[in-house]
Amino acid sequence: MASPAIDDYLKTIYHHTEWQDDRITPSQLAAELGLAPSSVTEMVQKLAAQGLVTHRPYGPVSLSEAGERRAAAIIRRHRLIETWLVREFGYAWDEVHDEAEVLEHAISDRLLEGIDERLGRPRFDPHGDAIPDASGHVHREAFVLLAQAPAGHVGRVLRVSDRDPELLRAVESAGVSVGATVTVTDAAALRIDGAAVSLPEAAADAVWLSA
C-alpha cells in the first residue's frame, strides 16, 4: 500500500546505513523523523508485521529485502527529481531537497522513466548520492568521511550531505564540489590545485572522499 509516512520511515532507515555501517536505533529514528519514541515504536511494529523491516524490542532496525526494494524505489525518485531540477531548471544544489520531497509522491512511473532517459540515466545526484537503478541496485566506490581522513589523504569528493542547505552553500563558496580532487590538511581544511581551502567545522561530518 502506498503511504508517504511509510516511505519516510523506510528512506530514513536506508539513509542511515548508506554511508556507514551501524544500524539505526528506534531513538535515532525518532530523532531523525522528529516524532515521539512511542509513535516510532508503534510504526516499526507495523512495518515489521508487513515484512518491511526486521526488529527486536529495544534493538536496532534493519530493512528487509522487501523494505530495501521499496526504499530504493522512492530514493530513486527523489534523487532523479533533484538531478532534473538542477540540470533542467537551474536550481542550486541547496534548493532541491524540499521540492523533491513533494514531487517524489506525485509523478508517475512513466514520467520518472522519461526523466531518467532525458538525463542520460545518471548514477549520482547533485550531492553525490547514488541513484538506484530501476532494479534498486547502486554503484558506490570505497569512501572515507572527511573527519576520519588522515592529513595528506588525496581523494575525490564523492558526496556532500544535503541535510543543511547553509552548509551546502558554504562548501560551494569554498570551491568544493562533487568530483573535485582534494588533499586533506585536517578535518576543516583542504588543498585544491595547491590552494588552501577552509571549511566550516560541520563539514568534517558532511563530506565524503574516495578512499
N, C-alpha and C. Protein backbone atom coordinates (compact mmCIF):
# COMPACT_ATOMS: atom_id res chain seq x y z
N MET A 1 0.84 -1.19 0.00
CA MET A 1 0.00 0.00 0.00
C MET A 1 0.88 1.24 0.00
N ALA A 2 0.59 2.19 -0.91
CA ALA A 2 1.34 3.43 -0.98
C ALA A 2 1.06 4.26 0.26
N SER A 3 2.10 4.78 0.87
CA SER A 3 1.95 5.61 2.06
C SER A 3 3.18 6.47 2.22
N PRO A 4 3.05 7.80 2.08
CA PRO A 4 4.20 8.67 2.29
C PRO A 4 4.83 8.49 3.67
N ALA A 5 4.00 8.23 4.68
CA ALA A 5 4.55 8.05 6.03
C ALA A 5 5.45 6.82 6.09
N ILE A 6 4.98 5.71 5.53
CA ILE A 6 5.81 4.50 5.50
C ILE A 6 7.08 4.75 4.70
N ASP A 7 6.94 5.42 3.56
CA ASP A 7 8.12 5.71 2.73
C ASP A 7 9.14 6.54 3.48
N ASP A 8 8.68 7.50 4.29
CA ASP A 8 9.61 8.34 5.05
C ASP A 8 10.40 7.50 6.05
N TYR A 9 9.74 6.55 6.70
CA TYR A 9 10.45 5.66 7.62
C TYR A 9 11.49 4.84 6.87
N LEU A 10 11.07 4.24 5.77
CA LEU A 10 11.99 3.38 5.03
C LEU A 10 13.17 4.16 4.48
N LYS A 11 12.91 5.36 3.97
CA LYS A 11 14.01 6.20 3.46
C LYS A 11 15.00 6.53 4.57
N THR A 12 14.49 6.88 5.75
CA THR A 12 15.37 7.26 6.86
C THR A 12 16.24 6.09 7.28
N ILE A 13 15.66 4.90 7.35
CA ILE A 13 16.45 3.71 7.70
C ILE A 13 17.51 3.44 6.64
N TYR A 14 17.13 3.56 5.38
CA TYR A 14 18.05 3.35 4.25
C TYR A 14 19.21 4.35 4.31
N HIS A 15 18.87 5.63 4.49
CA HIS A 15 19.90 6.68 4.54
C HIS A 15 20.92 6.41 5.64
N HIS A 16 20.44 5.92 6.77
CA HIS A 16 21.31 5.80 7.95
C HIS A 16 22.51 4.90 7.70
N THR A 17 22.31 3.84 6.93
CA THR A 17 23.41 2.90 6.70
C THR A 17 24.03 3.03 5.31
N GLU A 18 23.67 4.12 4.61
CA GLU A 18 24.19 4.28 3.26
C GLU A 18 25.68 4.64 3.27
N TRP A 19 26.10 5.42 4.25
CA TRP A 19 27.49 5.88 4.29
C TRP A 19 28.20 5.49 5.58
N GLN A 20 27.62 4.57 6.33
CA GLN A 20 28.27 3.98 7.50
C GLN A 20 27.53 2.69 7.83
N ASP A 21 28.09 1.86 8.71
CA ASP A 21 27.59 0.50 8.89
C ASP A 21 26.65 0.30 10.07
N ASP A 22 26.64 1.20 11.03
CA ASP A 22 25.82 0.99 12.23
C ASP A 22 24.34 1.10 11.90
N ARG A 23 23.55 0.13 12.35
CA ARG A 23 22.11 0.16 12.11
C ARG A 23 21.45 1.23 12.99
N ILE A 24 20.31 1.70 12.55
CA ILE A 24 19.63 2.77 13.27
C ILE A 24 18.82 2.20 14.43
N THR A 25 18.82 2.92 15.56
CA THR A 25 18.03 2.51 16.71
C THR A 25 16.68 3.23 16.68
N PRO A 26 15.68 2.73 17.39
CA PRO A 26 14.40 3.43 17.42
C PRO A 26 14.51 4.88 17.91
N SER A 27 15.38 5.13 18.90
CA SER A 27 15.54 6.50 19.39
C SER A 27 16.15 7.40 18.33
N GLN A 28 17.12 6.89 17.57
CA GLN A 28 17.70 7.67 16.47
C GLN A 28 16.66 7.91 15.38
N LEU A 29 15.86 6.91 15.10
CA LEU A 29 14.80 7.05 14.10
C LEU A 29 13.80 8.12 14.53
N ALA A 30 13.44 8.12 15.80
CA ALA A 30 12.52 9.14 16.32
C ALA A 30 13.12 10.54 16.18
N ALA A 31 14.42 10.66 16.50
CA ALA A 31 15.07 11.97 16.40
C ALA A 31 15.14 12.43 14.96
N GLU A 32 15.47 11.53 14.04
CA GLU A 32 15.58 11.88 12.62
C GLU A 32 14.24 12.35 12.07
N LEU A 33 13.16 11.69 12.49
CA LEU A 33 11.84 11.99 11.96
C LEU A 33 11.11 13.07 12.75
N GLY A 34 11.67 13.44 13.92
CA GLY A 34 11.03 14.45 14.75
C GLY A 34 9.72 13.96 15.36
N LEU A 35 9.69 12.68 15.73
CA LEU A 35 8.48 12.08 16.26
C LEU A 35 8.72 11.54 17.66
N ALA A 36 7.64 11.31 18.39
CA ALA A 36 7.74 10.73 19.73
C ALA A 36 8.20 9.28 19.63
N PRO A 37 9.05 8.85 20.55
CA PRO A 37 9.51 7.45 20.52
C PRO A 37 8.37 6.44 20.51
N SER A 38 7.30 6.73 21.24
CA SER A 38 6.18 5.79 21.27
C SER A 38 5.54 5.63 19.89
N SER A 39 5.45 6.73 19.14
CA SER A 39 4.89 6.68 17.79
C SER A 39 5.78 5.85 16.87
N VAL A 40 7.09 6.03 17.02
CA VAL A 40 8.04 5.29 16.19
C VAL A 40 7.99 3.80 16.52
N THR A 41 7.92 3.47 17.80
CA THR A 41 7.83 2.07 18.20
C THR A 41 6.61 1.40 17.59
N GLU A 42 5.49 2.10 17.60
CA GLU A 42 4.26 1.56 17.03
C GLU A 42 4.39 1.34 15.52
N MET A 43 4.98 2.34 14.82
CA MET A 43 5.12 2.21 13.38
C MET A 43 6.12 1.11 13.02
N VAL A 44 7.21 1.00 13.76
CA VAL A 44 8.19 -0.05 13.47
C VAL A 44 7.54 -1.43 13.61
N GLN A 45 6.68 -1.58 14.59
CA GLN A 45 5.98 -2.86 14.76
C GLN A 45 5.09 -3.14 13.55
N LYS A 46 4.43 -2.09 13.03
CA LYS A 46 3.60 -2.25 11.84
C LYS A 46 4.44 -2.61 10.62
N LEU A 47 5.59 -1.94 10.48
CA LEU A 47 6.47 -2.23 9.36
C LEU A 47 7.00 -3.66 9.43
N ALA A 48 7.31 -4.12 10.64
CA ALA A 48 7.78 -5.49 10.81
C ALA A 48 6.67 -6.48 10.45
N ALA A 49 5.43 -6.16 10.83
CA ALA A 49 4.30 -7.03 10.52
C ALA A 49 4.07 -7.11 9.01
N GLN A 50 4.42 -6.05 8.29
CA GLN A 50 4.27 -6.02 6.83
C GLN A 50 5.47 -6.62 6.11
N GLY A 51 6.48 -7.03 6.88
CA GLY A 51 7.66 -7.63 6.29
C GLY A 51 8.63 -6.65 5.67
N LEU A 52 8.54 -5.37 6.11
CA LEU A 52 9.40 -4.34 5.53
C LEU A 52 10.67 -4.08 6.35
N VAL A 53 10.65 -4.42 7.63
CA VAL A 53 11.84 -4.27 8.48
C VAL A 53 11.97 -5.49 9.37
N THR A 54 13.18 -5.67 9.90
CA THR A 54 13.42 -6.66 10.94
C THR A 54 13.80 -5.90 12.20
N HIS A 55 13.30 -6.38 13.33
CA HIS A 55 13.48 -5.62 14.56
C HIS A 55 13.19 -6.51 15.75
N ARG A 56 13.99 -6.32 16.80
CA ARG A 56 13.66 -6.95 18.08
C ARG A 56 13.48 -5.83 19.10
N PRO A 57 12.67 -6.05 20.15
CA PRO A 57 12.39 -4.98 21.11
C PRO A 57 13.66 -4.31 21.63
N TYR A 58 13.66 -2.99 21.56
CA TYR A 58 14.78 -2.14 22.05
C TYR A 58 16.06 -2.29 21.23
N GLY A 59 16.01 -3.10 20.18
CA GLY A 59 17.19 -3.27 19.35
C GLY A 59 17.13 -2.41 18.10
N PRO A 60 18.20 -2.43 17.30
CA PRO A 60 18.23 -1.63 16.07
C PRO A 60 17.25 -2.15 15.03
N VAL A 61 17.00 -1.32 14.04
CA VAL A 61 16.03 -1.63 12.99
C VAL A 61 16.78 -1.78 11.67
N SER A 62 16.44 -2.81 10.91
CA SER A 62 17.04 -3.03 9.59
C SER A 62 15.94 -3.22 8.56
N LEU A 63 16.22 -2.84 7.34
CA LEU A 63 15.29 -3.10 6.25
C LEU A 63 15.36 -4.57 5.85
N SER A 64 14.19 -5.14 5.59
CA SER A 64 14.15 -6.46 4.97
C SER A 64 14.45 -6.31 3.49
N GLU A 65 14.51 -7.40 2.78
CA GLU A 65 14.74 -7.32 1.33
C GLU A 65 13.62 -6.53 0.66
N ALA A 66 12.38 -6.79 1.07
CA ALA A 66 11.25 -6.06 0.50
C ALA A 66 11.30 -4.58 0.88
N GLY A 67 11.69 -4.30 2.12
CA GLY A 67 11.79 -2.92 2.57
C GLY A 67 12.88 -2.16 1.84
N GLU A 68 13.99 -2.84 1.57
CA GLU A 68 15.08 -2.18 0.84
C GLU A 68 14.68 -1.87 -0.59
N ARG A 69 13.94 -2.79 -1.22
CA ARG A 69 13.46 -2.52 -2.58
C ARG A 69 12.54 -1.31 -2.62
N ARG A 70 11.64 -1.24 -1.65
CA ARG A 70 10.71 -0.11 -1.62
C ARG A 70 11.45 1.19 -1.31
N ALA A 71 12.37 1.15 -0.36
CA ALA A 71 13.14 2.35 -0.03
C ALA A 71 13.95 2.81 -1.23
N ALA A 72 14.61 1.88 -1.92
CA ALA A 72 15.42 2.23 -3.09
C ALA A 72 14.56 2.86 -4.18
N ALA A 73 13.33 2.38 -4.33
CA ALA A 73 12.46 2.93 -5.37
C ALA A 73 12.09 4.38 -5.09
N ILE A 74 11.78 4.70 -3.85
CA ILE A 74 11.40 6.08 -3.54
C ILE A 74 12.63 6.99 -3.54
N ILE A 75 13.77 6.46 -3.12
CA ILE A 75 15.01 7.25 -3.16
C ILE A 75 15.42 7.51 -4.60
N ARG A 76 15.22 6.52 -5.46
CA ARG A 76 15.47 6.72 -6.89
C ARG A 76 14.65 7.89 -7.41
N ARG A 77 13.37 7.94 -7.07
CA ARG A 77 12.50 9.04 -7.49
C ARG A 77 13.06 10.38 -6.98
N HIS A 78 13.38 10.42 -5.69
CA HIS A 78 13.84 11.66 -5.07
C HIS A 78 15.11 12.18 -5.75
N ARG A 79 16.06 11.31 -5.95
CA ARG A 79 17.36 11.75 -6.46
C ARG A 79 17.31 12.07 -7.95
N LEU A 80 16.48 11.35 -8.70
CA LEU A 80 16.32 11.72 -10.11
C LEU A 80 15.64 13.09 -10.23
N ILE A 81 14.67 13.36 -9.38
CA ILE A 81 14.00 14.66 -9.41
C ILE A 81 14.98 15.76 -9.04
N GLU A 82 15.81 15.55 -8.01
CA GLU A 82 16.80 16.55 -7.65
C GLU A 82 17.73 16.84 -8.83
N THR A 83 18.19 15.80 -9.49
CA THR A 83 19.08 15.95 -10.63
C THR A 83 18.39 16.70 -11.77
N TRP A 84 17.15 16.36 -12.03
CA TRP A 84 16.33 17.01 -13.06
C TRP A 84 16.17 18.50 -12.76
N LEU A 85 15.89 18.85 -11.51
CA LEU A 85 15.69 20.25 -11.14
C LEU A 85 16.97 21.06 -11.33
N VAL A 86 18.11 20.46 -10.99
CA VAL A 86 19.39 21.16 -11.15
C VAL A 86 19.74 21.33 -12.63
N ARG A 87 19.63 20.25 -13.39
CA ARG A 87 20.08 20.28 -14.79
C ARG A 87 19.11 21.03 -15.71
N GLU A 88 17.82 20.86 -15.50
CA GLU A 88 16.83 21.39 -16.44
C GLU A 88 16.22 22.72 -16.02
N PHE A 89 16.23 23.01 -14.73
CA PHE A 89 15.54 24.20 -14.25
C PHE A 89 16.44 25.18 -13.52
N GLY A 90 17.72 24.88 -13.45
CA GLY A 90 18.67 25.83 -12.88
C GLY A 90 18.62 25.96 -11.37
N TYR A 91 18.03 24.98 -10.67
CA TYR A 91 18.05 25.02 -9.21
C TYR A 91 19.48 24.85 -8.71
N ALA A 92 19.78 25.47 -7.58
CA ALA A 92 21.06 25.22 -6.90
C ALA A 92 20.93 23.94 -6.08
N TRP A 93 22.07 23.33 -5.75
CA TRP A 93 22.02 22.04 -5.06
C TRP A 93 21.46 22.16 -3.65
N ASP A 94 21.43 23.38 -3.08
CA ASP A 94 20.86 23.54 -1.75
C ASP A 94 19.36 23.83 -1.79
N GLU A 95 18.76 23.87 -2.98
CA GLU A 95 17.35 24.23 -3.13
C GLU A 95 16.45 23.06 -3.51
N VAL A 96 17.02 21.91 -3.83
CA VAL A 96 16.22 20.86 -4.47
C VAL A 96 15.58 19.87 -3.52
N HIS A 97 16.09 19.73 -2.32
CA HIS A 97 15.61 18.66 -1.44
C HIS A 97 14.12 18.79 -1.14
N ASP A 98 13.69 19.95 -0.69
CA ASP A 98 12.29 20.12 -0.31
C ASP A 98 11.35 19.96 -1.50
N GLU A 99 11.78 20.46 -2.66
CA GLU A 99 10.96 20.29 -3.86
C GLU A 99 10.80 18.81 -4.20
N ALA A 100 11.91 18.08 -4.11
CA ALA A 100 11.86 16.65 -4.44
C ALA A 100 11.01 15.87 -3.44
N GLU A 101 11.00 16.30 -2.18
CA GLU A 101 10.17 15.64 -1.17
C GLU A 101 8.71 15.67 -1.57
N VAL A 102 8.28 16.77 -2.18
CA VAL A 102 6.89 16.90 -2.62
C VAL A 102 6.65 16.11 -3.90
N LEU A 103 7.53 16.29 -4.87
CA LEU A 103 7.31 15.71 -6.19
C LEU A 103 7.48 14.20 -6.24
N GLU A 104 8.26 13.64 -5.34
CA GLU A 104 8.53 12.20 -5.40
C GLU A 104 7.26 11.37 -5.23
N HIS A 105 6.24 11.94 -4.58
CA HIS A 105 4.99 11.21 -4.38
C HIS A 105 3.96 11.54 -5.46
N ALA A 106 4.29 12.49 -6.34
CA ALA A 106 3.28 13.00 -7.28
C ALA A 106 3.48 12.53 -8.72
N ILE A 107 4.72 12.28 -9.13
CA ILE A 107 4.93 11.97 -10.55
C ILE A 107 4.68 10.50 -10.83
N SER A 108 4.29 10.21 -12.05
CA SER A 108 4.00 8.84 -12.46
C SER A 108 5.29 8.09 -12.80
N ASP A 109 5.18 6.77 -12.86
CA ASP A 109 6.33 5.95 -13.26
C ASP A 109 6.76 6.29 -14.69
N ARG A 110 5.78 6.59 -15.54
CA ARG A 110 6.09 6.94 -16.93
C ARG A 110 6.92 8.22 -17.00
N LEU A 111 6.52 9.23 -16.23
CA LEU A 111 7.27 10.48 -16.23
C LEU A 111 8.66 10.27 -15.64
N LEU A 112 8.76 9.46 -14.59
CA LEU A 112 10.06 9.20 -13.99
C LEU A 112 11.00 8.54 -15.00
N GLU A 113 10.49 7.58 -15.74
CA GLU A 113 11.29 6.91 -16.76
C GLU A 113 11.74 7.91 -17.83
N GLY A 114 10.85 8.83 -18.20
CA GLY A 114 11.20 9.85 -19.18
C GLY A 114 12.29 10.78 -18.66
N ILE A 115 12.20 11.14 -17.39
CA ILE A 115 13.22 11.99 -16.78
C ILE A 115 14.57 11.27 -16.78
N ASP A 116 14.56 10.01 -16.37
CA ASP A 116 15.80 9.23 -16.32
C ASP A 116 16.44 9.14 -17.70
N GLU A 117 15.62 8.88 -18.72
CA GLU A 117 16.14 8.77 -20.09
C GLU A 117 16.67 10.11 -20.58
N ARG A 118 15.95 11.19 -20.32
CA ARG A 118 16.38 12.52 -20.78
C ARG A 118 17.70 12.92 -20.14
N LEU A 119 17.90 12.54 -18.88
CA LEU A 119 19.12 12.92 -18.17
C LEU A 119 20.30 12.01 -18.50
N GLY A 120 20.05 10.97 -19.31
CA GLY A 120 21.14 10.06 -19.65
C GLY A 120 21.40 9.00 -18.61
N ARG A 121 20.37 8.69 -17.83
CA ARG A 121 20.42 7.68 -16.78
C ARG A 121 21.60 7.93 -15.82
N PRO A 122 21.56 9.06 -15.11
CA PRO A 122 22.67 9.39 -14.20
C PRO A 122 22.77 8.41 -13.05
N ARG A 123 23.98 8.20 -12.56
CA ARG A 123 24.20 7.29 -11.44
C ARG A 123 24.26 8.02 -10.10
N PHE A 124 24.44 9.36 -10.15
CA PHE A 124 24.58 10.12 -8.91
C PHE A 124 23.77 11.40 -9.00
N ASP A 125 23.25 11.85 -7.85
CA ASP A 125 22.51 13.10 -7.81
C ASP A 125 23.48 14.27 -7.59
N PRO A 126 23.00 15.52 -7.53
CA PRO A 126 23.92 16.66 -7.42
C PRO A 126 24.78 16.66 -6.17
N HIS A 127 24.36 15.93 -5.13
CA HIS A 127 25.13 15.89 -3.88
C HIS A 127 26.09 14.71 -3.83
N GLY A 128 26.08 13.87 -4.89
CA GLY A 128 26.97 12.72 -4.93
C GLY A 128 26.35 11.44 -4.41
N ASP A 129 25.07 11.50 -4.01
CA ASP A 129 24.40 10.29 -3.55
C ASP A 129 24.05 9.41 -4.74
N ALA A 130 24.23 8.11 -4.59
CA ALA A 130 23.97 7.17 -5.68
C ALA A 130 22.48 7.08 -5.98
N ILE A 131 22.14 7.09 -7.25
CA ILE A 131 20.75 6.93 -7.68
C ILE A 131 20.54 5.44 -7.98
N PRO A 132 19.68 4.75 -7.22
CA PRO A 132 19.42 3.34 -7.53
C PRO A 132 18.85 3.20 -8.94
N ASP A 133 19.23 2.12 -9.62
CA ASP A 133 18.63 1.88 -10.93
C ASP A 133 17.23 1.31 -10.75
N ALA A 134 16.57 0.99 -11.84
CA ALA A 134 15.19 0.53 -11.77
C ALA A 134 15.04 -0.76 -10.97
N SER A 135 16.14 -1.50 -10.81
CA SER A 135 16.12 -2.74 -10.03
C SER A 135 16.49 -2.52 -8.57
N GLY A 136 16.84 -1.27 -8.23
CA GLY A 136 17.23 -0.97 -6.86
C GLY A 136 18.70 -1.07 -6.57
N HIS A 137 19.50 -1.39 -7.61
CA HIS A 137 20.95 -1.53 -7.40
C HIS A 137 21.64 -0.17 -7.48
N VAL A 138 22.72 -0.04 -6.73
CA VAL A 138 23.51 1.19 -6.75
C VAL A 138 24.99 0.84 -6.91
N HIS A 139 25.74 1.81 -7.40
CA HIS A 139 27.19 1.65 -7.53
C HIS A 139 27.86 2.64 -6.59
N ARG A 140 28.70 2.14 -5.71
CA ARG A 140 29.49 3.01 -4.83
C ARG A 140 30.93 2.52 -4.82
N GLU A 141 31.85 3.45 -4.68
CA GLU A 141 33.24 3.06 -4.51
C GLU A 141 33.63 3.24 -3.06
N ALA A 142 34.79 2.73 -2.69
CA ALA A 142 35.26 2.85 -1.31
C ALA A 142 35.38 4.32 -0.94
N PHE A 143 34.98 4.65 0.30
CA PHE A 143 34.92 6.06 0.71
C PHE A 143 35.45 6.22 2.13
N VAL A 144 35.71 7.47 2.47
CA VAL A 144 36.12 7.82 3.83
C VAL A 144 35.50 9.18 4.16
N LEU A 145 34.97 9.30 5.37
CA LEU A 145 34.43 10.57 5.84
C LEU A 145 35.59 11.53 6.08
N LEU A 146 35.40 12.80 5.74
CA LEU A 146 36.46 13.79 5.91
C LEU A 146 37.00 13.79 7.33
N ALA A 147 36.12 13.67 8.32
CA ALA A 147 36.55 13.68 9.72
C ALA A 147 37.51 12.53 10.03
N GLN A 148 37.45 11.46 9.26
CA GLN A 148 38.28 10.28 9.52
C GLN A 148 39.45 10.15 8.54
N ALA A 149 39.56 11.07 7.61
CA ALA A 149 40.64 11.01 6.62
C ALA A 149 41.92 11.57 7.23
N PRO A 150 43.04 10.89 7.10
CA PRO A 150 44.29 11.39 7.67
C PRO A 150 44.83 12.58 6.87
N ALA A 151 45.61 13.41 7.54
CA ALA A 151 46.26 14.53 6.84
C ALA A 151 47.12 13.96 5.71
N GLY A 152 47.03 14.59 4.55
CA GLY A 152 47.77 14.14 3.39
C GLY A 152 46.98 13.23 2.47
N HIS A 153 45.80 12.80 2.93
CA HIS A 153 44.97 11.93 2.09
C HIS A 153 44.52 12.68 0.84
N VAL A 154 44.64 12.04 -0.30
CA VAL A 154 44.20 12.63 -1.57
C VAL A 154 43.01 11.82 -2.07
N GLY A 155 41.94 12.50 -2.39
CA GLY A 155 40.76 11.79 -2.88
C GLY A 155 39.81 12.74 -3.59
N ARG A 156 38.86 12.15 -4.31
CA ARG A 156 37.82 12.94 -4.94
C ARG A 156 36.65 13.12 -3.98
N VAL A 157 36.01 14.26 -4.05
CA VAL A 157 34.81 14.48 -3.25
C VAL A 157 33.69 13.62 -3.85
N LEU A 158 33.23 12.64 -3.08
CA LEU A 158 32.18 11.74 -3.56
C LEU A 158 30.79 12.24 -3.20
N ARG A 159 30.68 12.88 -2.04
CA ARG A 159 29.36 13.24 -1.57
C ARG A 159 29.44 14.36 -0.55
N VAL A 160 28.47 15.27 -0.60
CA VAL A 160 28.29 16.29 0.43
C VAL A 160 26.85 16.15 0.92
N SER A 161 26.67 15.98 2.21
CA SER A 161 25.33 15.77 2.76
C SER A 161 24.42 16.96 2.43
N ASP A 162 23.17 16.63 2.11
CA ASP A 162 22.21 17.69 1.77
C ASP A 162 21.33 18.09 2.95
N ARG A 163 21.69 17.67 4.15
CA ARG A 163 20.85 17.93 5.32
C ARG A 163 20.80 19.41 5.69
N ASP A 164 21.87 20.14 5.43
CA ASP A 164 21.96 21.54 5.87
C ASP A 164 22.22 22.43 4.65
N PRO A 165 21.19 23.12 4.14
CA PRO A 165 21.39 23.98 2.96
C PRO A 165 22.46 25.05 3.18
N GLU A 166 22.54 25.60 4.39
CA GLU A 166 23.55 26.63 4.67
C GLU A 166 24.95 26.06 4.53
N LEU A 167 25.15 24.85 5.01
CA LEU A 167 26.46 24.21 4.88
C LEU A 167 26.78 23.94 3.41
N LEU A 168 25.79 23.50 2.64
CA LEU A 168 25.99 23.29 1.21
C LEU A 168 26.47 24.57 0.54
N ARG A 169 25.84 25.68 0.88
CA ARG A 169 26.25 26.97 0.28
C ARG A 169 27.67 27.33 0.69
N ALA A 170 28.02 27.07 1.95
CA ALA A 170 29.37 27.39 2.43
C ALA A 170 30.42 26.53 1.74
N VAL A 171 30.12 25.25 1.57
CA VAL A 171 31.05 24.35 0.89
C VAL A 171 31.23 24.77 -0.56
N GLU A 172 30.13 25.12 -1.22
CA GLU A 172 30.20 25.58 -2.60
C GLU A 172 31.01 26.87 -2.71
N SER A 173 30.79 27.79 -1.77
CA SER A 173 31.53 29.06 -1.79
C SER A 173 33.03 28.85 -1.60
N ALA A 174 33.38 27.79 -0.88
CA ALA A 174 34.80 27.48 -0.66
C ALA A 174 35.44 26.83 -1.89
N GLY A 175 34.62 26.53 -2.90
CA GLY A 175 35.16 25.95 -4.13
C GLY A 175 35.20 24.44 -4.13
N VAL A 176 34.51 23.82 -3.17
CA VAL A 176 34.48 22.36 -3.08
C VAL A 176 33.22 21.85 -3.77
N SER A 177 33.39 20.92 -4.69
CA SER A 177 32.25 20.37 -5.42
C SER A 177 32.43 18.88 -5.59
N VAL A 178 31.34 18.18 -5.82
CA VAL A 178 31.40 16.74 -6.05
C VAL A 178 32.25 16.48 -7.29
N GLY A 179 33.21 15.57 -7.15
CA GLY A 179 34.11 15.24 -8.25
C GLY A 179 35.47 15.92 -8.16
N ALA A 180 35.58 16.97 -7.34
CA ALA A 180 36.85 17.68 -7.20
C ALA A 180 37.87 16.81 -6.47
N THR A 181 39.12 16.86 -6.92
CA THR A 181 40.20 16.15 -6.23
C THR A 181 40.82 17.08 -5.19
N VAL A 182 40.91 16.59 -3.95
CA VAL A 182 41.38 17.43 -2.85
C VAL A 182 42.45 16.68 -2.06
N THR A 183 43.25 17.46 -1.34
CA THR A 183 44.21 16.91 -0.39
C THR A 183 43.81 17.37 0.99
N VAL A 184 43.69 16.45 1.93
CA VAL A 184 43.25 16.77 3.28
C VAL A 184 44.41 17.39 4.07
N THR A 185 44.14 18.55 4.63
CA THR A 185 45.10 19.17 5.55
C THR A 185 44.73 18.80 6.98
N ASP A 186 43.46 19.03 7.33
CA ASP A 186 42.88 18.49 8.57
C ASP A 186 41.37 18.44 8.34
N ALA A 187 40.61 18.18 9.39
CA ALA A 187 39.18 17.95 9.23
C ALA A 187 38.41 19.19 8.76
N ALA A 188 39.03 20.35 8.85
CA ALA A 188 38.35 21.57 8.43
C ALA A 188 39.11 22.31 7.35
N ALA A 189 40.08 21.65 6.73
CA ALA A 189 40.88 22.34 5.71
C ALA A 189 41.34 21.35 4.64
N LEU A 190 41.35 21.87 3.40
CA LEU A 190 41.76 21.07 2.25
C LEU A 190 42.68 21.90 1.38
N ARG A 191 43.30 21.22 0.42
CA ARG A 191 44.01 21.92 -0.65
C ARG A 191 43.43 21.45 -1.97
N ILE A 192 43.09 22.41 -2.83
CA ILE A 192 42.56 22.11 -4.15
C ILE A 192 43.45 22.81 -5.17
N ASP A 193 44.06 22.04 -6.05
CA ASP A 193 45.00 22.61 -7.03
C ASP A 193 46.06 23.45 -6.35
N GLY A 194 46.52 23.00 -5.18
CA GLY A 194 47.58 23.68 -4.46
C GLY A 194 47.13 24.83 -3.59
N ALA A 195 45.88 25.23 -3.68
CA ALA A 195 45.37 26.36 -2.90
C ALA A 195 44.70 25.86 -1.62
N ALA A 196 44.97 26.54 -0.51
CA ALA A 196 44.37 26.17 0.76
C ALA A 196 42.90 26.59 0.80
N VAL A 197 42.07 25.71 1.32
CA VAL A 197 40.64 25.95 1.41
C VAL A 197 40.18 25.63 2.83
N SER A 198 39.52 26.58 3.48
CA SER A 198 38.98 26.35 4.82
C SER A 198 37.50 26.05 4.72
N LEU A 199 37.04 25.11 5.52
CA LEU A 199 35.64 24.71 5.52
C LEU A 199 35.03 24.92 6.91
N PRO A 200 33.72 25.07 6.98
CA PRO A 200 33.08 25.12 8.30
C PRO A 200 33.35 23.84 9.06
N GLU A 201 33.38 23.93 10.37
CA GLU A 201 33.68 22.77 11.19
C GLU A 201 32.71 21.61 10.90
N ALA A 202 31.46 21.93 10.63
CA ALA A 202 30.45 20.90 10.40
C ALA A 202 30.72 20.08 9.14
N ALA A 203 31.55 20.61 8.24
CA ALA A 203 31.84 19.88 7.00
C ALA A 203 32.58 18.58 7.24
N ALA A 204 33.28 18.48 8.37
CA ALA A 204 34.04 17.27 8.66
C ALA A 204 33.14 16.03 8.69
N ASP A 205 31.88 16.21 9.11
CA ASP A 205 30.94 15.09 9.17
C ASP A 205 29.92 15.13 8.06
N ALA A 206 30.21 15.90 7.01
CA ALA A 206 29.24 16.05 5.92
C ALA A 206 29.86 15.88 4.54
N VAL A 207 31.16 15.63 4.49
CA VAL A 207 31.86 15.47 3.22
C VAL A 207 32.54 14.10 3.19
N TRP A 208 32.30 13.36 2.11
CA TRP A 208 32.91 12.04 1.93
C TRP A 208 33.85 12.08 0.74
N LEU A 209 35.01 11.43 0.90
CA LEU A 209 36.02 11.38 -0.14
C LEU A 209 36.25 9.94 -0.59
N SER A 210 36.81 9.79 -1.78
CA SER A 210 37.22 8.45 -2.21
C SER A 210 38.34 7.98 -1.31
N ALA A 211 38.31 6.70 -0.98
CA ALA A 211 39.30 6.15 -0.05
C ALA A 211 40.68 6.02 -0.69
